C-alpha atoms as a PDB file:
ATOM      1  CA  MET A   1    -285.901 -58.048 158.256  1.00  0.00           C
ATOM      2  CA  LYS A   2    -282.544 -60.518 157.175  1.00  0.00           C
ATOM      3  CA  ARG A   3    -281.548 -58.296 154.541  1.00  0.00           C
ATOM      4  CA  SER A   4    -281.986 -55.087 156.667  1.00  0.00           C
ATOM      5  CA  VAL A   5    -279.737 -56.615 159.610  1.00  0.00           C
ATOM      6  CA  PHE A   6    -276.963 -57.801 157.457  1.00  0.00           C
ATOM      7  CA  LEU A   7    -277.220 -54.062 155.575  1.00  0.00           C
ATOM      8  CA  TYR A   8    -276.904 -52.449 159.362  1.00  0.00           C
ATOM      9  CA  MET A   9    -274.128 -55.452 160.201  1.00  0.00           C
ATOM     10  CA  LEU A  10    -272.050 -54.412 157.275  1.00  0.00           C
ATOM     11  CA  ILE A  11    -272.369 -50.509 158.052  1.00  0.00           C
ATOM     12  CA  VAL A  12    -270.979 -51.196 162.242  1.00  0.00           C
ATOM     13  CA  MET A  13    -268.135 -53.328 160.467  1.00  0.00           C
ATOM     14  CA  LEU A  14    -267.210 -51.197 158.113  1.00  0.00           C
ATOM     15  CA  VAL A  15    -266.823 -48.336 160.698  1.00  0.00           C
ATOM     16  CA  PHE A  16    -265.009 -50.503 162.977  1.00  0.00           C
ATOM     17  CA  ALA A  17    -262.267 -51.369 160.401  1.00  0.00           C
ATOM     18  CA  ASP A  18    -261.588 -47.842 159.617  1.00  0.00           C
ATOM     19  CA  GLN A  19    -261.534 -46.961 163.276  1.00  0.00           C
ATOM     20  CA  LEU A  20    -259.314 -49.992 164.184  1.00  0.00           C
ATOM     21  CA  SER A  21    -256.804 -49.296 161.118  1.00  0.00           C
ATOM     22  CA  LYS A  22    -256.587 -45.142 162.380  1.00  0.00           C
ATOM     23  CA  TRP A  23    -255.940 -46.790 166.002  1.00  0.00           C
ATOM     24  CA  TRP A  24    -253.036 -48.695 164.527  1.00  0.00           C
ATOM     25  CA  ILE A  25    -251.250 -46.170 162.518  1.00  0.00           C
ATOM     26  CA  MET A  26    -251.721 -43.959 165.433  1.00  0.00           C
ATOM     27  CA  GLU A  27    -251.167 -46.040 168.767  1.00  0.00           C
ATOM     28  CA  VAL A  28    -249.367 -48.932 167.588  1.00  0.00           C
ATOM     29  CA  PHE A  29    -247.250 -47.176 164.645  1.00  0.00           C
ATOM     30  CA  TYR A  30    -246.743 -43.784 164.700  1.00  0.00           C
ATOM     31  CA  LYS A  31    -246.526 -43.374 168.379  1.00  0.00           C
ATOM     32  CA  PRO A  32    -243.722 -45.027 169.825  1.00  0.00           C
ATOM     33  CA  ARG A  33    -241.650 -45.236 166.269  1.00  0.00           C
ATOM     34  CA  VAL A  34    -242.034 -41.814 165.020  1.00  0.00           C
ATOM     35  CA  PHE A  35    -243.501 -39.472 167.870  1.00  0.00           C
ATOM     36  CA  GLU A  36    -241.451 -40.922 170.948  1.00  0.00           C
ATOM     37  CA  ALA A  37    -244.365 -40.360 172.727  1.00  0.00           C
ATOM     38  CA  GLU A  38    -244.538 -41.267 176.508  1.00  0.00           C
ATOM     39  CA  GLY A  39    -246.756 -43.833 178.363  1.00  0.00           C
ATOM     40  CA  ALA A  40    -247.731 -46.809 176.060  1.00  0.00           C
ATOM     41  CA  SER A  41    -250.517 -46.526 173.463  1.00  0.00           C
ATOM     42  CA  LEU A  42    -254.121 -46.177 174.254  1.00  0.00           C
ATOM     43  CA  PRO A  43    -256.182 -49.324 174.103  1.00  0.00           C
ATOM     44  CA  PHE A  44    -258.618 -49.250 171.426  1.00  0.00           C
ATOM     45  CA  PHE A  45    -262.022 -48.808 173.477  1.00  0.00           C
ATOM     46  CA  ASP A  46    -260.479 -46.238 175.069  1.00  0.00           C
ATOM     47  CA  TRP A  47    -258.614 -44.012 171.920  1.00  0.00           C
ATOM     48  CA  PHE A  48    -261.866 -45.301 170.072  1.00  0.00           C
ATOM     49  CA  THR A  49    -264.640 -43.100 173.126  1.00  0.00           C
ATOM     50  CA  THR A  50    -262.008 -40.355 174.068  1.00  0.00           C
ATOM     51  CA  PHE A  51    -262.768 -36.689 172.898  1.00  0.00           C
ATOM     52  CA  GLY A  52    -260.609 -33.686 172.695  1.00  0.00           C
ATOM     53  CA  GLN A  53    -257.407 -35.749 171.652  1.00  0.00           C
ATOM     54  CA  GLN A  54    -254.630 -33.811 170.248  1.00  0.00           C
ATOM     55  CA  GLN A  55    -253.838 -34.587 166.274  1.00  0.00           C
ATOM     56  CA  PHE A  56    -249.961 -36.021 165.639  1.00  0.00           C
ATOM     57  CA  PRO A  57    -247.772 -34.012 163.772  1.00  0.00           C
ATOM     58  CA  PRO A  58    -247.435 -34.679 160.141  1.00  0.00           C
ATOM     59  CA  ALA A  59    -245.128 -37.986 159.574  1.00  0.00           C
ATOM     60  CA  SER A  60    -244.256 -39.855 156.230  1.00  0.00           C
ATOM     61  CA  ILE A  61    -242.820 -43.307 156.012  1.00  0.00           C
ATOM     62  CA  GLU A  62    -241.714 -44.810 152.796  1.00  0.00           C
ATOM     63  CA  VAL A  63    -243.110 -48.294 152.258  1.00  0.00           C
ATOM     64  CA  THR A  64    -242.416 -48.656 148.531  1.00  0.00           C
ATOM     65  CA  SER A  65    -241.329 -46.314 145.389  1.00  0.00           C
ATOM     66  CA  PHE A  66    -245.237 -45.490 145.070  1.00  0.00           C
ATOM     67  CA  PHE A  67    -246.864 -45.925 148.525  1.00  0.00           C
ATOM     68  CA  ASN A  68    -245.931 -44.000 151.881  1.00  0.00           C
ATOM     69  CA  LEU A  69    -247.641 -44.209 155.648  1.00  0.00           C
ATOM     70  CA  VAL A  70    -248.123 -41.059 156.561  1.00  0.00           C
ATOM     71  CA  MET A  71    -250.184 -38.787 158.963  1.00  0.00           C
ATOM     72  CA  VAL A  72    -252.303 -36.342 157.523  1.00  0.00           C
ATOM     73  CA  TRP A  73    -255.069 -34.043 159.231  1.00  0.00           C
ATOM     74  CA  ASN A  74    -257.728 -33.465 156.566  1.00  0.00           C
ATOM     75  CA  LYS A  75    -260.147 -30.646 158.110  1.00  0.00           C
ATOM     76  CA  GLY A  76    -262.221 -30.728 155.253  1.00  0.00           C
ATOM     77  CA  VAL A  77    -264.379 -33.227 152.848  1.00  0.00           C
ATOM     78  CA  SER A  78    -262.739 -35.937 150.387  1.00  0.00           C
ATOM     79  CA  PHE A  79    -259.659 -34.639 148.883  1.00  0.00           C
ATOM     80  CA  GLY A  80    -259.626 -31.418 151.519  1.00  0.00           C
ATOM     81  CA  MET A  81    -262.226 -29.435 149.567  1.00  0.00           C
ATOM     82  CA  PHE A  82    -264.282 -26.806 152.365  1.00  0.00           C
ATOM     83  CA  ALA A  83    -261.022 -26.706 154.456  1.00  0.00           C
ATOM     84  CA  SER A  84    -261.486 -24.563 157.336  1.00  0.00           C
ATOM     85  CA  ALA A  85    -259.376 -24.218 160.334  1.00  0.00           C
ATOM     86  CA  HIS A  86    -262.274 -22.605 161.790  1.00  0.00           C
ATOM     87  CA  GLU A  87    -263.546 -24.355 165.493  1.00  0.00           C
ATOM     88  CA  ILE A  88    -267.300 -24.813 164.138  1.00  0.00           C
ATOM     89  CA  MET A  89    -266.097 -26.316 160.871  1.00  0.00           C
ATOM     90  CA  PRO A  90    -265.572 -30.125 162.021  1.00  0.00           C
ATOM     91  CA  TYR A  91    -269.255 -29.872 163.391  1.00  0.00           C
ATOM     92  CA  ILE A  92    -270.752 -28.173 160.235  1.00  0.00           C
ATOM     93  CA  LEU A  93    -269.633 -31.368 158.521  1.00  0.00           C
ATOM     94  CA  SER A  94    -270.364 -33.778 160.790  1.00  0.00           C
ATOM     95  CA  ALA A  95    -273.958 -32.596 160.656  1.00  0.00           C
ATOM     96  CA  VAL A  96    -273.963 -32.168 156.478  1.00  0.00           C
ATOM     97  CA  ALA A  97    -272.263 -36.099 156.894  1.00  0.00           C
ATOM     98  CA  VAL A  98    -275.053 -37.152 159.323  1.00  0.00           C
ATOM     99  CA  ILE A  99    -277.475 -35.562 157.096  1.00  0.00           C
ATOM    100  CA  MET A 100    -276.555 -37.276 154.048  1.00  0.00           C
ATOM    101  CA  SER A 101    -276.599 -40.361 155.818  1.00  0.00           C
ATOM    102  CA  ILE A 102    -280.140 -40.339 157.283  1.00  0.00           C
ATOM    103  CA  LEU A 103    -280.935 -39.846 153.713  1.00  0.00           C
ATOM    104  CA  LEU A 104    -279.356 -42.319 152.091  1.00  0.00           C
ATOM    105  CA  ALA A 105    -280.729 -44.661 155.290  1.00  0.00           C
ATOM    106  CA  ALA A 106    -284.302 -43.480 153.898  1.00  0.00           C
ATOM    107  CA  TRP A 107    -282.983 -44.940 150.098  1.00  0.00           C
ATOM    108  CA  MET A 108    -282.023 -47.753 151.585  1.00  0.00           C
ATOM    109  CA  ARG A 109    -285.539 -48.289 153.216  1.00  0.00           C
ATOM    110  CA  LYS A 110    -287.010 -48.181 149.873  1.00  0.00           C
ATOM    111  CA  ALA A 111    -284.139 -49.892 147.439  1.00  0.00           C
ATOM    112  CA  THR A 112    -284.406 -53.491 146.821  1.00  0.00           C
ATOM    113  CA  HIS A 113    -281.480 -54.652 145.098  1.00  0.00           C
ATOM    114  CA  LEU A 114    -278.312 -55.809 146.715  1.00  0.00           C
ATOM    115  CA  SER A 115    -276.303 -53.596 143.956  1.00  0.00           C
ATOM    116  CA  THR A 116    -277.967 -51.128 145.335  1.00  0.00           C
ATOM    117  CA  LEU A 117    -278.107 -51.486 148.896  1.00  0.00           C
ATOM    118  CA  ILE A 118    -274.357 -52.816 149.443  1.00  0.00           C
ATOM    119  CA  PRO A 119    -272.940 -49.118 148.021  1.00  0.00           C
ATOM    120  CA  LEU A 120    -275.424 -47.193 150.293  1.00  0.00           C
ATOM    121  CA  ALA A 121    -274.101 -48.903 153.017  1.00  0.00           C
ATOM    122  CA  MET A 122    -270.561 -48.251 152.294  1.00  0.00           C
ATOM    123  CA  ILE A 123    -271.116 -44.613 152.056  1.00  0.00           C
ATOM    124  CA  ILE A 124    -272.804 -44.496 155.139  1.00  0.00           C
ATOM    125  CA  ALA A 125    -269.951 -46.587 156.903  1.00  0.00           C
ATOM    126  CA  GLY A 126    -267.002 -44.012 155.544  1.00  0.00           C
ATOM    127  CA  ALA A 127    -269.275 -41.288 156.208  1.00  0.00           C
ATOM    128  CA  MET A 128    -269.861 -41.795 159.792  1.00  0.00           C
ATOM    129  CA  GLY A 129    -266.370 -43.358 160.615  1.00  0.00           C
ATOM    130  CA  ASN A 130    -264.894 -39.628 159.079  1.00  0.00           C
ATOM    131  CA  VAL A 131    -267.738 -38.189 161.360  1.00  0.00           C
ATOM    132  CA  TRP A 132    -266.406 -39.610 164.298  1.00  0.00           C
ATOM    133  CA  ASP A 133    -262.936 -38.319 163.539  1.00  0.00           C
ATOM    134  CA  ARG A 134    -263.877 -35.003 163.528  1.00  0.00           C
ATOM    135  CA  LEU A 135    -265.770 -35.260 166.737  1.00  0.00           C
ATOM    136  CA  ARG A 136    -263.039 -36.495 168.969  1.00  0.00           C
ATOM    137  CA  PHE A 137    -260.067 -34.927 166.551  1.00  0.00           C
ATOM    138  CA  GLY A 138    -261.574 -31.988 165.172  1.00  0.00           C
ATOM    139  CA  ALA A 139    -259.916 -33.249 161.802  1.00  0.00           C
ATOM    140  CA  VAL A 140    -260.140 -36.709 159.589  1.00  0.00           C
ATOM    141  CA  ALA A 141    -257.030 -38.701 160.271  1.00  0.00           C
ATOM    142  CA  ASP A 142    -255.530 -39.911 156.451  1.00  0.00           C
ATOM    143  CA  PHE A 143    -252.477 -42.063 156.043  1.00  0.00           C
ATOM    144  CA  LEU A 144    -252.817 -43.894 152.816  1.00  0.00           C
ATOM    145  CA  ASP A 145    -250.391 -42.060 150.302  1.00  0.00           C
ATOM    146  CA  PHE A 146    -249.997 -43.455 146.789  1.00  0.00           C
ATOM    147  CA  HIS A 147    -247.885 -41.343 144.642  1.00  0.00           C
ATOM    148  CA  TYR A 148    -245.945 -41.854 141.078  1.00  0.00           C
ATOM    149  CA  GLN A 149    -242.396 -39.603 141.715  1.00  0.00           C
ATOM    150  CA  ASP A 150    -243.821 -36.213 142.713  1.00  0.00           C
ATOM    151  CA  MET A 151    -247.133 -36.682 141.510  1.00  0.00           C
ATOM    152  CA  HIS A 152    -249.347 -37.459 144.694  1.00  0.00           C
ATOM    153  CA  TYR A 153    -253.005 -38.710 145.101  1.00  0.00           C
ATOM    154  CA  PRO A 154    -254.463 -37.029 147.878  1.00  0.00           C
ATOM    155  CA  ALA A 155    -253.770 -39.030 151.144  1.00  0.00           C
ATOM    156  CA  PHE A 156    -256.645 -40.513 152.247  1.00  0.00           C
ATOM    157  CA  ASN A 157    -258.083 -43.215 154.570  1.00  0.00           C
ATOM    158  CA  VAL A 158    -260.521 -46.486 154.828  1.00  0.00           C
ATOM    159  CA  ALA A 159    -263.451 -44.728 155.101  1.00  0.00           C
ATOM    160  CA  ASP A 160    -262.641 -42.378 152.126  1.00  0.00           C
ATOM    161  CA  CYS A 161    -262.323 -45.803 149.984  1.00  0.00           C
ATOM    162  CA  CYS A 162    -265.908 -47.056 151.312  1.00  0.00           C
ATOM    163  CA  ILE A 163    -267.315 -43.764 149.955  1.00  0.00           C
ATOM    164  CA  VAL A 164    -265.327 -44.042 146.852  1.00  0.00           C
ATOM    165  CA  ILE A 165    -265.920 -47.587 146.207  1.00  0.00           C
ATOM    166  CA  GLY A 166    -269.705 -46.989 146.852  1.00  0.00           C
ATOM    167  CA  VAL A 167    -270.473 -43.907 144.895  1.00  0.00           C
ATOM    168  CA  LEU A 168    -268.760 -45.707 141.998  1.00  0.00           C
ATOM    169  CA  LEU A 169    -270.392 -48.959 142.155  1.00  0.00           C
ATOM    170  CA  LEU A 170    -274.003 -46.896 142.882  1.00  0.00           C
ATOM    171  CA  ALA A 171    -272.859 -45.195 139.510  1.00  0.00           C
ATOM    172  CA  PHE A 172    -272.689 -48.555 138.026  1.00  0.00           C
ATOM    173  CA  ASP A 173    -275.967 -50.004 139.582  1.00  0.00           C
ATOM    174  CA  GLY A 174    -277.557 -46.918 137.999  1.00  0.00           C
ATOM    175  CA  VAL A 175    -276.667 -46.540 134.791  1.00  0.00           C
ATOM    176  CA  ILE A 176    -275.685 -49.560 133.706  1.00  0.00           C
ATOM    177  CA  LEU A 177    -277.644 -52.185 136.019  1.00  0.00           C
ATOM    178  CA  GLU A 178    -280.538 -50.619 135.886  1.00  0.00           C
ATOM    179  CA  ARG A 179    -280.764 -50.480 132.106  1.00  0.00           C
ATOM    180  CA  CYS A 180    -280.520 -54.364 132.183  1.00  0.00           C
ATOM    181  CA  ARG A 181    -283.234 -54.332 134.619  1.00  0.00           C
ATOM    182  CA  ASP A 182    -285.633 -52.287 132.439  1.00  0.00           C
ATOM    183  CA  LYS A 183    -285.155 -54.372 129.570  1.00  0.00           C
ATOM    184  CA  LYS A 184    -285.707 -57.291 131.649  1.00  0.00           C
ATOM    185  CA  LYS A 185    -288.973 -55.968 132.714  1.00  0.00           C
ATOM    186  CA  LEU A 186    -290.203 -54.707 129.224  1.00  0.00           C
ATOM    187  CA  PRO A 187    -290.584 -58.288 127.894  1.00  0.00           C
ATOM    188  CA  LYS A 188    -292.992 -59.031 130.839  1.00  0.00           C
ATOM    189  CA  GLU A 189    -295.009 -56.129 130.708  1.00  0.00           C
ATOM    190  CA  ILE A 190    -295.798 -56.204 126.807  1.00  0.00           C
ATOM    191  CA  ALA A 191    -296.924 -59.967 127.672  1.00  0.00           C
ATOM    192  CA  ASN A 192    -298.898 -58.843 130.315  1.00  0.00           C
ATOM    193  CA  GLU A 193    -300.438 -55.811 128.275  1.00  0.00           C
ATOM    194  CA  SER A 194    -301.234 -58.334 125.092  1.00  0.00           C
ATOM    195  CA  PRO A 195    -304.884 -59.900 124.953  1.00  0.00           C
ATOM    196  CA  ALA A 196    -305.302 -63.295 125.954  1.00  0.00           C
END
């Protein structure tokens, strides 16, 4: 019970961190500096709960020689795959992400090791953060842009970080840690099978 509460709290905190970072970049950083929008920035709760918001125009501010803060709208999934300008696409992608999250949550209920549970929670949180963007803006807000000279890694956000890190940790758990757990089980099973 305590473990499941921890995992759901982790999901909520990661979604909150993702949404807070997007609110800050749009409403606090870009809106007054770059977009010169009239009126005060929306408070976080109002921004978070308002549907049908307009997408800010593209923008880019150089922070270092290899990192920019940008304003980019991803109408597809990770790295812009399956991008489409069709009005129904955000809802289709959101439905797919919700279904995948439900399947991952079912896996979470059966998993026993934290090395499996935490990555699953991270992936679910990342998916839900981006779903919330699609429902309110019609696209996902990306703002982190790392590059080497003119070669840019696709812009991303905190939710994307959760998904990518979660998938990598899950792969590490499945390929490396699961093998170690199996090796530990084997001597115990042999000992249990051997005659007394």
